[in-house]
Structures are given as C-alpha cells and as structure tokens.
C-alpha cells in the first residue's frame, strides 16, 4: 500500500518456537543490530539474575549504545556484574527499589502478546521515569519470560521491541488518552516467542 509517495518499510521479525533462556543470545544480537540500524542510542534490558545483562554487555562492547538494566531485586543480581556494567557507562536499577505505576490491566493487555512484551514496555516506562531516556525517545527494549513459572527454560530474553518511551504515569486510567496518532508506543517487533 502506497501512502502519498512513501514506500512502506519492511523489516524482518523473528519468532522463536519456544520462550526462554535459549533465545537470549539471538534476542540480544537482533536487538543490538536493530538499534545500530536505527541509530538508537539507548537499550533497555530486563535482567532478573544477570544472564541477559551479561550477554548484552558483551554485545555492546564496541558500540556507543548505552543500557538501562532493570533487575528485579538486588540480592538476586551478581554484585560484580553491577560494577562491570557501571564501569562501561551503563545504568543499573532494581524494580524492588523504585516506585512506579504500571496498572495490572495494562500489564495483562501486553501479556496477550507474551510476558516479554509486557516487561519490555514496562521497562521502557521505568527508564523514562528514571530519566535514562527522554519522554518520547525511541529505545530498543529487551525482556523475556522471567525465571519463574517456566522451569529450566525460563529466564533470559526472548523478546525485543522498538518502543517509544513514556513515563509509567501515562498508563494510569486518569492519565487521559493522547491523540490517536500519538498512541502507537510499540513501534517495531524485533523478535518474540510464537
């Protein structure tokens, strides 16, 4: 479909047969490659126990891309990895130490696309709340199924999105709706489980 002389963009989306930790390296590789293609300066990475953050740290070594790593709870995350991430210029925060508003109705809507989609959008909001990214800035956000409820397959990353970051307060019911053209917060689906 042509729109007034503009050519539609075609990008590849990768779908994994199963969610979980086995997808982490490919998810991070795809996310970093897309960030480079788009000239995105920031990646947001969910990492409960450090595995995904460690993989992403290696993938971004020779780039100018900076990460906002959001862990769940500091005691579950390797202390030495926090130091390595910060030494490389990345920011690390823990959800258990932050206050943000992400209503369950919003979380459940995004879960229809997968747990990683819910977490990727949530983490981009937290990054905006913390001032790591500007409101409206496009980021590549990486997340996954989480280590709970998936047995040995759980953890790691299996979802990557290009997201327009907005603060978590915009998810509240009383926040009001932006104009329809400005509601598209998830810009691209890079990869996810089927």
N, C-alpha and C. Protein backbone atom coordinates (compact mmCIF):
# COMPACT_ATOMS: atom_id res chain seq x y z
N UNK A 1 0.84 -1.18 0.00
CA UNK A 1 0.00 0.00 0.00
C UNK A 1 0.89 1.24 0.00
N UNK A 2 0.68 2.12 -0.94
CA UNK A 2 1.46 3.35 -1.04
C UNK A 2 0.70 4.48 -0.35
N UNK A 3 1.41 5.27 0.41
CA UNK A 3 0.82 6.41 1.11
C UNK A 3 1.48 7.69 0.62
N UNK A 4 0.83 8.38 -0.29
CA UNK A 4 1.31 9.66 -0.79
C UNK A 4 2.80 9.65 -1.10
N UNK A 5 3.22 8.73 -1.93
CA UNK A 5 4.60 8.71 -2.38
C UNK A 5 5.58 8.06 -1.42
N UNK A 6 5.13 7.61 -0.25
CA UNK A 6 6.03 6.97 0.71
C UNK A 6 6.02 5.47 0.49
N UNK A 7 7.19 4.88 0.61
CA UNK A 7 7.32 3.44 0.46
C UNK A 7 7.22 2.81 1.85
N UNK A 8 6.34 1.82 2.03
CA UNK A 8 6.24 1.17 3.34
C UNK A 8 7.56 0.50 3.71
N UNK A 9 7.87 0.54 4.99
CA UNK A 9 9.09 -0.08 5.50
C UNK A 9 8.85 -1.58 5.67
N UNK A 10 9.83 -2.37 5.29
CA UNK A 10 9.75 -3.80 5.52
C UNK A 10 10.94 -4.20 6.37
N UNK A 11 10.64 -4.77 7.52
CA UNK A 11 11.69 -5.29 8.39
C UNK A 11 11.34 -6.72 8.76
N UNK A 12 12.35 -7.45 9.13
CA UNK A 12 12.16 -8.86 9.49
C UNK A 12 11.84 -8.97 10.98
N UNK A 13 10.88 -9.80 11.30
CA UNK A 13 10.57 -10.15 12.68
C UNK A 13 10.90 -11.63 12.86
N UNK A 14 11.57 -11.94 13.95
CA UNK A 14 11.94 -13.32 14.24
C UNK A 14 10.99 -13.86 15.30
N UNK A 15 10.48 -15.06 15.08
CA UNK A 15 9.61 -15.72 16.04
C UNK A 15 10.30 -17.00 16.51
N UNK A 16 10.41 -17.14 17.82
CA UNK A 16 11.01 -18.33 18.40
C UNK A 16 9.94 -19.39 18.65
N UNK A 17 10.31 -20.67 18.47
CA UNK A 17 9.36 -21.76 18.70
C UNK A 17 8.91 -21.82 20.15
N UNK A 18 9.83 -21.52 21.06
CA UNK A 18 9.53 -21.58 22.49
C UNK A 18 10.15 -20.37 23.18
N UNK A 19 9.55 -19.94 24.29
CA UNK A 19 10.14 -18.84 25.05
C UNK A 19 11.30 -19.34 25.90
N UNK A 20 12.07 -18.41 26.43
CA UNK A 20 13.03 -18.79 27.45
C UNK A 20 14.47 -18.48 27.17
N UNK A 21 15.30 -18.99 28.06
CA UNK A 21 16.72 -18.65 28.14
C UNK A 21 17.50 -19.03 26.88
N UNK A 22 17.08 -20.06 26.18
CA UNK A 22 17.80 -20.49 24.97
C UNK A 22 17.76 -19.43 23.88
N UNK A 23 16.85 -18.48 23.97
CA UNK A 23 16.70 -17.42 22.96
C UNK A 23 17.55 -16.19 23.25
N UNK A 24 18.19 -16.14 24.39
CA UNK A 24 18.83 -14.91 24.86
C UNK A 24 19.87 -14.35 23.90
N UNK A 25 20.82 -15.15 23.48
CA UNK A 25 21.89 -14.62 22.64
C UNK A 25 21.36 -14.09 21.32
N UNK A 26 20.43 -14.80 20.70
CA UNK A 26 19.87 -14.34 19.43
C UNK A 26 19.01 -13.10 19.64
N UNK A 27 18.27 -13.04 20.71
CA UNK A 27 17.45 -11.86 21.01
C UNK A 27 18.34 -10.62 21.16
N UNK A 28 19.40 -10.75 21.93
CA UNK A 28 20.30 -9.62 22.15
C UNK A 28 21.01 -9.24 20.85
N UNK A 29 21.41 -10.22 20.07
CA UNK A 29 22.07 -9.93 18.79
C UNK A 29 21.13 -9.15 17.87
N UNK A 30 19.90 -9.62 17.75
CA UNK A 30 18.91 -8.94 16.90
C UNK A 30 18.62 -7.53 17.41
N UNK A 31 18.50 -7.39 18.72
CA UNK A 31 18.20 -6.08 19.32
C UNK A 31 19.33 -5.09 19.07
N UNK A 32 20.56 -5.52 19.29
CA UNK A 32 21.71 -4.64 19.09
C UNK A 32 21.84 -4.26 17.61
N UNK A 33 21.62 -5.21 16.72
CA UNK A 33 21.70 -4.92 15.29
C UNK A 33 20.65 -3.90 14.87
N UNK A 34 19.44 -4.06 15.38
CA UNK A 34 18.37 -3.11 15.00
C UNK A 34 18.64 -1.73 15.60
N UNK A 35 19.14 -1.68 16.82
CA UNK A 35 19.49 -0.40 17.43
C UNK A 35 20.53 0.32 16.57
N UNK A 36 21.53 -0.41 16.10
CA UNK A 36 22.56 0.19 15.25
C UNK A 36 21.96 0.70 13.94
N UNK A 37 21.09 -0.12 13.31
CA UNK A 37 20.46 0.27 12.05
C UNK A 37 19.66 1.56 12.19
N UNK A 38 18.95 1.68 13.31
CA UNK A 38 18.09 2.85 13.53
C UNK A 38 18.83 4.04 14.12
N UNK A 39 20.06 3.82 14.58
CA UNK A 39 20.79 4.89 15.25
C UNK A 39 20.25 5.17 16.64
N UNK A 40 19.65 4.16 17.25
CA UNK A 40 19.11 4.27 18.61
C UNK A 40 20.28 4.25 19.59
N UNK A 41 20.32 5.22 20.48
CA UNK A 41 21.45 5.36 21.40
C UNK A 41 21.28 4.60 22.70
N UNK A 42 20.07 4.13 22.99
CA UNK A 42 19.80 3.52 24.28
C UNK A 42 19.04 2.20 24.12
N UNK A 43 19.49 1.22 24.93
CA UNK A 43 18.76 -0.05 25.04
C UNK A 43 18.32 -0.20 26.48
N UNK A 44 17.15 -0.75 26.64
CA UNK A 44 16.62 -1.07 27.96
C UNK A 44 16.60 -2.59 28.05
N UNK A 45 17.17 -3.12 29.12
CA UNK A 45 17.32 -4.58 29.24
C UNK A 45 16.81 -5.04 30.59
N UNK A 46 15.82 -5.92 30.57
CA UNK A 46 15.34 -6.56 31.79
C UNK A 46 16.25 -7.74 32.08
N UNK A 47 16.71 -7.84 33.32
CA UNK A 47 17.60 -8.94 33.68
C UNK A 47 17.43 -9.26 35.15
N UNK A 48 16.68 -10.30 35.45
CA UNK A 48 16.38 -10.64 36.85
C UNK A 48 17.60 -11.11 37.61
N UNK A 49 18.38 -12.00 36.99
CA UNK A 49 19.52 -12.60 37.69
C UNK A 49 20.86 -12.35 37.02
N UNK A 50 20.87 -11.49 35.99
CA UNK A 50 22.13 -11.08 35.40
C UNK A 50 22.51 -11.73 34.08
N UNK A 51 21.88 -12.84 33.72
CA UNK A 51 22.27 -13.54 32.49
C UNK A 51 22.12 -12.65 31.26
N UNK A 52 20.96 -12.05 31.08
CA UNK A 52 20.71 -11.22 29.90
C UNK A 52 21.62 -10.00 29.90
N UNK A 53 21.82 -9.38 31.06
CA UNK A 53 22.69 -8.21 31.16
C UNK A 53 24.12 -8.56 30.75
N UNK A 54 24.58 -9.73 31.15
CA UNK A 54 25.94 -10.16 30.82
C UNK A 54 26.08 -10.35 29.30
N UNK A 55 25.08 -10.99 28.69
CA UNK A 55 25.10 -11.20 27.23
C UNK A 55 25.06 -9.85 26.51
N UNK A 56 24.22 -8.94 26.97
CA UNK A 56 24.10 -7.62 26.33
C UNK A 56 25.37 -6.80 26.50
N UNK A 57 25.99 -6.89 27.65
CA UNK A 57 27.24 -6.16 27.89
C UNK A 57 28.29 -6.55 26.86
N UNK A 58 28.41 -7.85 26.59
CA UNK A 58 29.36 -8.33 25.58
C UNK A 58 28.98 -7.86 24.18
N UNK A 59 27.69 -7.86 23.88
CA UNK A 59 27.22 -7.49 22.54
C UNK A 59 27.43 -6.01 22.24
N UNK A 60 27.49 -5.18 23.27
CA UNK A 60 27.58 -3.73 23.05
C UNK A 60 28.98 -3.17 23.26
N UNK A 61 29.97 -4.03 23.44
CA UNK A 61 31.33 -3.59 23.77
C UNK A 61 31.86 -2.54 22.79
N UNK A 62 31.74 -2.75 21.51
CA UNK A 62 32.33 -1.83 20.54
C UNK A 62 31.28 -0.92 19.91
N UNK A 63 30.30 -0.52 20.70
CA UNK A 63 29.26 0.39 20.21
C UNK A 63 29.17 1.58 21.17
N UNK A 64 28.43 2.58 20.75
CA UNK A 64 28.15 3.73 21.61
C UNK A 64 26.81 3.59 22.32
N UNK A 65 26.16 2.46 22.15
CA UNK A 65 24.84 2.24 22.76
C UNK A 65 24.99 2.05 24.26
N UNK A 66 24.19 2.76 25.03
CA UNK A 66 24.19 2.64 26.49
C UNK A 66 22.92 1.90 26.93
N UNK A 67 23.06 1.14 28.01
CA UNK A 67 21.96 0.32 28.52
C UNK A 67 21.42 0.85 29.84
N UNK A 68 20.14 0.67 30.00
CA UNK A 68 19.48 0.79 31.29
C UNK A 68 19.07 -0.63 31.63
N UNK A 69 19.74 -1.22 32.60
CA UNK A 69 19.44 -2.60 33.00
C UNK A 69 18.52 -2.53 34.21
N UNK A 70 17.39 -3.17 34.10
CA UNK A 70 16.44 -3.20 35.20
C UNK A 70 16.35 -4.62 35.76
N UNK A 71 16.89 -4.79 36.96
CA UNK A 71 16.79 -6.06 37.66
C UNK A 71 15.57 -6.05 38.56
N UNK A 72 15.22 -7.21 39.06
CA UNK A 72 14.05 -7.28 39.93
C UNK A 72 14.41 -6.95 41.38
N UNK A 73 15.46 -7.60 41.88
CA UNK A 73 15.84 -7.40 43.28
C UNK A 73 17.36 -7.52 43.39
N UNK A 74 17.98 -6.57 44.05
CA UNK A 74 19.45 -6.51 44.12
C UNK A 74 20.09 -7.81 44.63
N UNK A 75 19.56 -8.48 45.67
CA UNK A 75 20.21 -9.71 46.15
C UNK A 75 20.26 -10.84 45.11
N UNK A 76 19.37 -10.80 44.10
CA UNK A 76 19.35 -11.84 43.07
C UNK A 76 20.33 -11.57 41.93
N UNK A 77 20.98 -10.41 41.95
CA UNK A 77 21.81 -9.96 40.83
C UNK A 77 23.28 -9.97 41.25
N UNK A 78 24.18 -10.48 40.42
CA UNK A 78 25.60 -10.53 40.79
C UNK A 78 26.20 -9.13 41.01
N UNK A 79 26.77 -8.93 42.18
CA UNK A 79 27.36 -7.63 42.54
C UNK A 79 28.48 -7.24 41.58
N UNK A 80 29.33 -8.16 41.23
CA UNK A 80 30.42 -7.87 40.30
C UNK A 80 29.92 -7.43 38.94
N UNK A 81 28.79 -7.97 38.50
CA UNK A 81 28.22 -7.59 37.21
C UNK A 81 27.72 -6.15 37.25
N UNK A 82 27.14 -5.74 38.38
CA UNK A 82 26.70 -4.34 38.53
C UNK A 82 27.91 -3.42 38.33
N UNK A 83 29.02 -3.75 38.96
CA UNK A 83 30.24 -2.95 38.83
C UNK A 83 30.73 -2.93 37.39
N UNK A 84 30.70 -4.08 36.70
CA UNK A 84 31.15 -4.14 35.30
C UNK A 84 30.25 -3.29 34.39
N UNK A 85 28.95 -3.36 34.61
CA UNK A 85 28.01 -2.58 33.80
C UNK A 85 28.22 -1.08 34.01
N UNK A 86 28.34 -0.69 35.27
CA UNK A 86 28.53 0.73 35.58
C UNK A 86 29.87 1.24 35.06
N UNK A 87 30.91 0.41 35.12
CA UNK A 87 32.23 0.81 34.61
C UNK A 87 32.18 1.04 33.09
N UNK A 88 31.28 0.34 32.41
CA UNK A 88 31.13 0.51 30.96
C UNK A 88 30.18 1.66 30.61
N UNK A 89 29.67 2.36 31.63
CA UNK A 89 28.81 3.51 31.39
C UNK A 89 27.32 3.21 31.34
N UNK A 90 26.95 2.01 31.75
CA UNK A 90 25.54 1.63 31.75
C UNK A 90 24.93 1.91 33.12
N UNK A 91 23.62 2.03 33.16
CA UNK A 91 22.90 2.29 34.40
C UNK A 91 22.18 1.02 34.84
N UNK A 92 22.24 0.71 36.12
CA UNK A 92 21.57 -0.47 36.67
C UNK A 92 20.62 0.00 37.77
N UNK A 93 19.39 -0.49 37.72
CA UNK A 93 18.40 -0.17 38.75
C UNK A 93 17.63 -1.45 39.08
N UNK A 94 16.93 -1.42 40.20
CA UNK A 94 16.17 -2.60 40.64
C UNK A 94 14.74 -2.20 40.94
N UNK A 95 13.82 -2.95 40.34
CA UNK A 95 12.40 -2.66 40.49
C UNK A 95 11.95 -2.63 41.94
N UNK A 96 12.55 -3.47 42.77
CA UNK A 96 12.16 -3.52 44.19
C UNK A 96 12.53 -2.24 44.93
N UNK A 97 13.40 -1.41 44.34
CA UNK A 97 13.86 -0.18 44.98
C UNK A 97 13.23 1.07 44.37
N UNK A 98 12.37 0.89 43.36
CA UNK A 98 11.76 2.01 42.65
C UNK A 98 10.26 2.04 42.89
N UNK A 99 9.70 3.21 42.70
CA UNK A 99 8.24 3.35 42.75
C UNK A 99 7.78 3.76 41.36
N UNK A 100 6.89 2.98 40.79
CA UNK A 100 6.31 3.34 39.50
C UNK A 100 4.92 2.74 39.42
N UNK A 101 4.13 3.28 38.50
CA UNK A 101 2.72 2.91 38.39
C UNK A 101 2.51 2.21 37.05
N UNK A 102 2.30 0.92 37.09
CA UNK A 102 2.03 0.13 35.89
C UNK A 102 0.82 -0.74 36.19
N UNK A 103 -0.39 -0.22 35.93
CA UNK A 103 -1.61 -0.92 36.35
C UNK A 103 -1.71 -2.35 35.79
N UNK A 104 -2.30 -3.20 36.57
CA UNK A 104 -2.43 -4.60 36.19
C UNK A 104 -3.23 -4.77 34.89
N UNK A 105 -4.21 -3.91 34.66
CA UNK A 105 -5.00 -4.02 33.42
C UNK A 105 -4.10 -3.77 32.20
N UNK A 106 -3.14 -2.87 32.31
CA UNK A 106 -2.19 -2.62 31.23
C UNK A 106 -1.25 -3.81 31.08
N UNK A 107 -0.72 -4.29 32.20
CA UNK A 107 0.18 -5.44 32.18
C UNK A 107 -0.51 -6.64 31.53
N UNK A 108 -1.74 -6.88 31.89
CA UNK A 108 -2.47 -8.03 31.32
C UNK A 108 -2.74 -7.87 29.83
N UNK A 109 -2.96 -6.64 29.38
CA UNK A 109 -3.16 -6.41 27.95
C UNK A 109 -1.90 -6.76 27.17
N UNK A 110 -0.76 -6.29 27.65
CA UNK A 110 0.50 -6.61 26.95
C UNK A 110 0.86 -8.08 27.07
N UNK A 111 0.45 -8.74 28.15
CA UNK A 111 0.73 -10.18 28.30
C UNK A 111 0.07 -11.01 27.21
N UNK A 112 -0.96 -10.49 26.58
CA UNK A 112 -1.60 -11.21 25.48
C UNK A 112 -0.61 -11.45 24.34
N UNK A 113 0.40 -10.59 24.24
CA UNK A 113 1.45 -10.74 23.24
C UNK A 113 2.62 -11.55 23.78
N UNK A 114 2.64 -11.80 25.08
CA UNK A 114 3.70 -12.55 25.73
C UNK A 114 4.25 -11.80 26.92
N UNK A 115 4.77 -12.54 27.87
CA UNK A 115 5.33 -11.93 29.08
C UNK A 115 6.46 -10.95 28.76
N UNK A 116 7.28 -11.30 27.78
CA UNK A 116 8.37 -10.42 27.40
C UNK A 116 7.90 -9.08 26.86
N UNK A 117 6.79 -9.07 26.13
CA UNK A 117 6.23 -7.82 25.61
C UNK A 117 5.79 -6.93 26.76
N UNK A 118 5.11 -7.52 27.73
CA UNK A 118 4.67 -6.76 28.91
C UNK A 118 5.87 -6.14 29.62
N UNK A 119 6.91 -6.93 29.83
CA UNK A 119 8.08 -6.46 30.57
C UNK A 119 8.86 -5.43 29.75
N UNK A 120 8.99 -5.62 28.46
CA UNK A 120 9.73 -4.68 27.61
C UNK A 120 9.10 -3.29 27.64
N UNK A 121 7.78 -3.23 27.54
CA UNK A 121 7.10 -1.93 27.58
C UNK A 121 7.21 -1.32 28.98
N UNK A 122 7.05 -2.14 30.00
CA UNK A 122 7.16 -1.68 31.39
C UNK A 122 8.55 -1.11 31.66
N UNK A 123 9.58 -1.81 31.24
CA UNK A 123 10.95 -1.36 31.50
C UNK A 123 11.26 -0.06 30.76
N UNK A 124 10.73 0.11 29.56
CA UNK A 124 10.92 1.38 28.85
C UNK A 124 10.27 2.52 29.62
N UNK A 125 9.12 2.26 30.23
CA UNK A 125 8.46 3.28 31.06
C UNK A 125 9.29 3.62 32.29
N UNK A 126 9.85 2.60 32.93
CA UNK A 126 10.69 2.83 34.11
C UNK A 126 11.94 3.63 33.70
N UNK A 127 12.50 3.33 32.54
CA UNK A 127 13.67 4.08 32.07
C UNK A 127 13.33 5.56 31.88
N UNK A 128 12.12 5.83 31.38
CA UNK A 128 11.68 7.23 31.25
C UNK A 128 11.46 7.85 32.62
N UNK A 129 10.86 7.09 33.54
CA UNK A 129 10.65 7.58 34.91
C UNK A 129 11.97 7.97 35.56
N UNK A 130 13.02 7.20 35.31
CA UNK A 130 14.31 7.41 35.95
C UNK A 130 15.18 8.43 35.21
N UNK A 131 14.68 8.94 34.09
CA UNK A 131 15.42 9.95 33.36
C UNK A 131 16.54 9.40 32.49
N UNK A 132 16.59 8.07 32.34
CA UNK A 132 17.62 7.48 31.48
C UNK A 132 17.35 7.80 30.02
N UNK A 133 16.08 7.87 29.67
CA UNK A 133 15.67 8.23 28.31
C UNK A 133 14.70 9.40 28.39
N UNK A 134 14.68 10.20 27.35
CA UNK A 134 13.73 11.31 27.28
C UNK A 134 12.35 10.78 26.93
N UNK A 135 11.34 11.44 27.41
CA UNK A 135 9.97 11.07 27.07
C UNK A 135 9.82 11.19 25.55
N UNK A 136 9.31 10.14 24.95
CA UNK A 136 9.13 10.11 23.51
C UNK A 136 10.31 9.56 22.73
N UNK A 137 11.43 9.32 23.41
CA UNK A 137 12.62 8.77 22.75
C UNK A 137 12.41 7.31 22.39
N UNK A 138 12.85 6.93 21.22
CA UNK A 138 12.78 5.53 20.82
C UNK A 138 13.95 4.77 21.41
N UNK A 139 13.64 3.64 22.02
CA UNK A 139 14.64 2.75 22.59
C UNK A 139 14.37 1.34 22.09
N UNK A 140 15.40 0.52 22.13
CA UNK A 140 15.21 -0.91 21.91
C UNK A 140 15.12 -1.54 23.29
N UNK A 141 14.03 -2.24 23.54
CA UNK A 141 13.79 -2.83 24.86
C UNK A 141 13.78 -4.35 24.76
N UNK A 142 14.56 -4.98 25.64
CA UNK A 142 14.77 -6.43 25.62
C UNK A 142 14.25 -7.02 26.92
N UNK A 143 13.47 -8.09 26.82
CA UNK A 143 12.93 -8.73 28.02
C UNK A 143 12.66 -10.20 27.69
N UNK A 144 12.06 -10.90 28.64
CA UNK A 144 11.78 -12.31 28.42
C UNK A 144 10.69 -12.84 29.32
N UNK A 145 10.66 -14.15 29.43
CA UNK A 145 9.62 -14.83 30.19
C UNK A 145 9.84 -14.74 31.69
N UNK A 146 11.04 -14.41 32.10
CA UNK A 146 11.35 -14.41 33.53
C UNK A 146 11.69 -15.80 34.01
N UNK A 147 12.42 -15.89 35.12
CA UNK A 147 12.88 -17.19 35.58
C UNK A 147 11.83 -18.00 36.34
N UNK A 148 10.64 -17.44 36.54
CA UNK A 148 9.64 -18.13 37.35
C UNK A 148 8.51 -18.65 36.47
N UNK A 149 8.12 -19.89 36.72
CA UNK A 149 6.97 -20.46 36.04
C UNK A 149 7.27 -21.15 34.72
N UNK A 150 8.52 -21.23 34.32
CA UNK A 150 8.85 -21.88 33.06
C UNK A 150 9.86 -23.00 33.24
N UNK A 151 10.09 -23.38 34.49
CA UNK A 151 11.03 -24.46 34.76
C UNK A 151 12.43 -24.11 34.28
N UNK A 152 13.12 -25.08 33.74
CA UNK A 152 14.50 -24.88 33.28
C UNK A 152 14.60 -23.97 32.06
N UNK A 153 13.49 -23.80 31.32
CA UNK A 153 13.51 -22.97 30.12
C UNK A 153 13.39 -21.49 30.46
N UNK A 154 12.93 -21.15 31.63
CA UNK A 154 12.67 -19.77 31.99
C UNK A 154 13.92 -18.94 32.16
N UNK A 155 13.71 -17.66 32.24
CA UNK A 155 14.82 -16.71 32.38
C UNK A 155 15.31 -16.29 31.02
N UNK A 156 16.31 -15.44 31.02
CA UNK A 156 16.87 -14.98 29.76
C UNK A 156 15.93 -14.04 29.02
N UNK A 157 16.26 -13.77 27.78
CA UNK A 157 15.48 -12.85 26.96
C UNK A 157 14.98 -13.57 25.71
N UNK A 158 13.75 -13.26 25.33
CA UNK A 158 13.19 -13.84 24.12
C UNK A 158 12.33 -12.83 23.36
N UNK A 159 12.34 -11.57 23.81
CA UNK A 159 11.52 -10.53 23.19
C UNK A 159 12.33 -9.25 23.07
N UNK A 160 12.24 -8.62 21.91
CA UNK A 160 12.87 -7.30 21.70
C UNK A 160 11.91 -6.44 20.88
N UNK A 161 11.73 -5.22 21.34
CA UNK A 161 10.84 -4.27 20.69
C UNK A 161 11.54 -2.94 20.50
N UNK A 162 11.09 -2.17 19.53
CA UNK A 162 11.42 -0.76 19.47
C UNK A 162 10.23 -0.05 20.10
N UNK A 163 10.49 0.70 21.17
CA UNK A 163 9.42 1.31 21.95
C UNK A 163 9.68 2.80 22.07
N UNK A 164 8.63 3.58 21.96
CA UNK A 164 8.70 4.99 22.29
C UNK A 164 8.47 5.10 23.79
N UNK A 165 9.47 5.52 24.52
CA UNK A 165 9.41 5.52 25.99
C UNK A 165 8.54 6.67 26.51
N UNK A 166 7.65 6.31 27.41
CA UNK A 166 6.80 7.29 28.10
C UNK A 166 6.73 6.89 29.56
N UNK A 167 6.57 7.85 30.46
CA UNK A 167 6.57 7.53 31.88
C UNK A 167 5.42 6.61 32.28
N UNK A 168 5.64 5.88 33.35
CA UNK A 168 4.63 4.93 33.81
C UNK A 168 3.33 5.63 34.17
N UNK A 169 3.38 6.90 34.55
CA UNK A 169 2.15 7.62 34.92
C UNK A 169 1.17 7.71 33.76
N UNK A 170 1.65 7.59 32.53
CA UNK A 170 0.76 7.65 31.38
C UNK A 170 -0.09 6.38 31.23
N UNK A 171 0.23 5.36 32.01
CA UNK A 171 -0.55 4.12 31.95
C UNK A 171 -1.76 4.13 32.87
N UNK A 172 -1.84 5.12 33.76
CA UNK A 172 -2.97 5.19 34.69
C UNK A 172 -4.26 5.54 33.94
N UNK A 173 -5.38 5.07 34.48
CA UNK A 173 -6.67 5.36 33.86
C UNK A 173 -6.98 6.84 33.79
N UNK A 174 -6.54 7.60 34.78
CA UNK A 174 -6.87 9.03 34.81
C UNK A 174 -5.86 9.87 34.03
N UNK A 175 -4.93 9.23 33.32
CA UNK A 175 -3.90 9.98 32.59
C UNK A 175 -4.47 10.63 31.33
N UNK A 176 -5.59 10.14 30.84
CA UNK A 176 -6.13 10.67 29.60
C UNK A 176 -5.44 10.06 28.40
N UNK A 177 -6.11 10.08 27.29
CA UNK A 177 -5.55 9.48 26.08
C UNK A 177 -4.93 10.54 25.19
N UNK A 178 -3.74 10.24 24.64
CA UNK A 178 -3.20 11.15 23.63
C UNK A 178 -4.02 11.02 22.35
N UNK A 179 -3.80 11.91 21.40
CA UNK A 179 -4.46 11.78 20.11
C UNK A 179 -4.13 10.43 19.52
N UNK A 180 -5.04 9.93 18.68
CA UNK A 180 -4.85 8.58 18.13
C UNK A 180 -3.50 8.40 17.45
N UNK A 181 -3.06 9.39 16.73
CA UNK A 181 -1.80 9.25 16.00
C UNK A 181 -0.61 9.11 16.96
N UNK A 182 -0.76 9.60 18.19
CA UNK A 182 0.33 9.54 19.16
C UNK A 182 0.24 8.35 20.11
N UNK A 183 -0.69 7.45 19.90
CA UNK A 183 -0.87 6.32 20.82
C UNK A 183 0.04 5.14 20.52
N UNK A 184 0.69 5.15 19.40
CA UNK A 184 1.50 4.00 18.99
C UNK A 184 2.82 4.03 19.73
N UNK A 185 2.91 3.32 20.83
CA UNK A 185 4.12 3.32 21.65
C UNK A 185 5.06 2.19 21.27
N UNK A 186 4.52 1.07 20.83
CA UNK A 186 5.35 -0.04 20.37
C UNK A 186 5.52 0.15 18.87
N UNK A 187 6.73 0.51 18.47
CA UNK A 187 7.00 0.87 17.07
C UNK A 187 7.34 -0.34 16.21
N UNK A 188 8.10 -1.27 16.76
CA UNK A 188 8.53 -2.43 15.98
C UNK A 188 8.65 -3.65 16.90
N UNK A 189 8.33 -4.79 16.31
CA UNK A 189 8.51 -6.07 16.98
C UNK A 189 9.72 -6.73 16.32
N UNK A 190 10.82 -6.78 17.05
CA UNK A 190 12.05 -7.35 16.52
C UNK A 190 12.02 -8.87 16.62
N UNK A 191 11.65 -9.38 17.80
CA UNK A 191 11.52 -10.83 17.98
C UNK A 191 10.65 -11.11 19.20
N UNK A 192 10.07 -12.30 19.20
CA UNK A 192 9.25 -12.77 20.33
C UNK A 192 8.97 -14.25 20.13
N UNK A 193 8.55 -14.93 21.21
CA UNK A 193 8.12 -16.32 21.04
C UNK A 193 6.77 -16.39 20.33
N UNK A 194 6.54 -17.45 19.57
CA UNK A 194 5.24 -17.67 18.93
C UNK A 194 4.22 -18.08 19.96
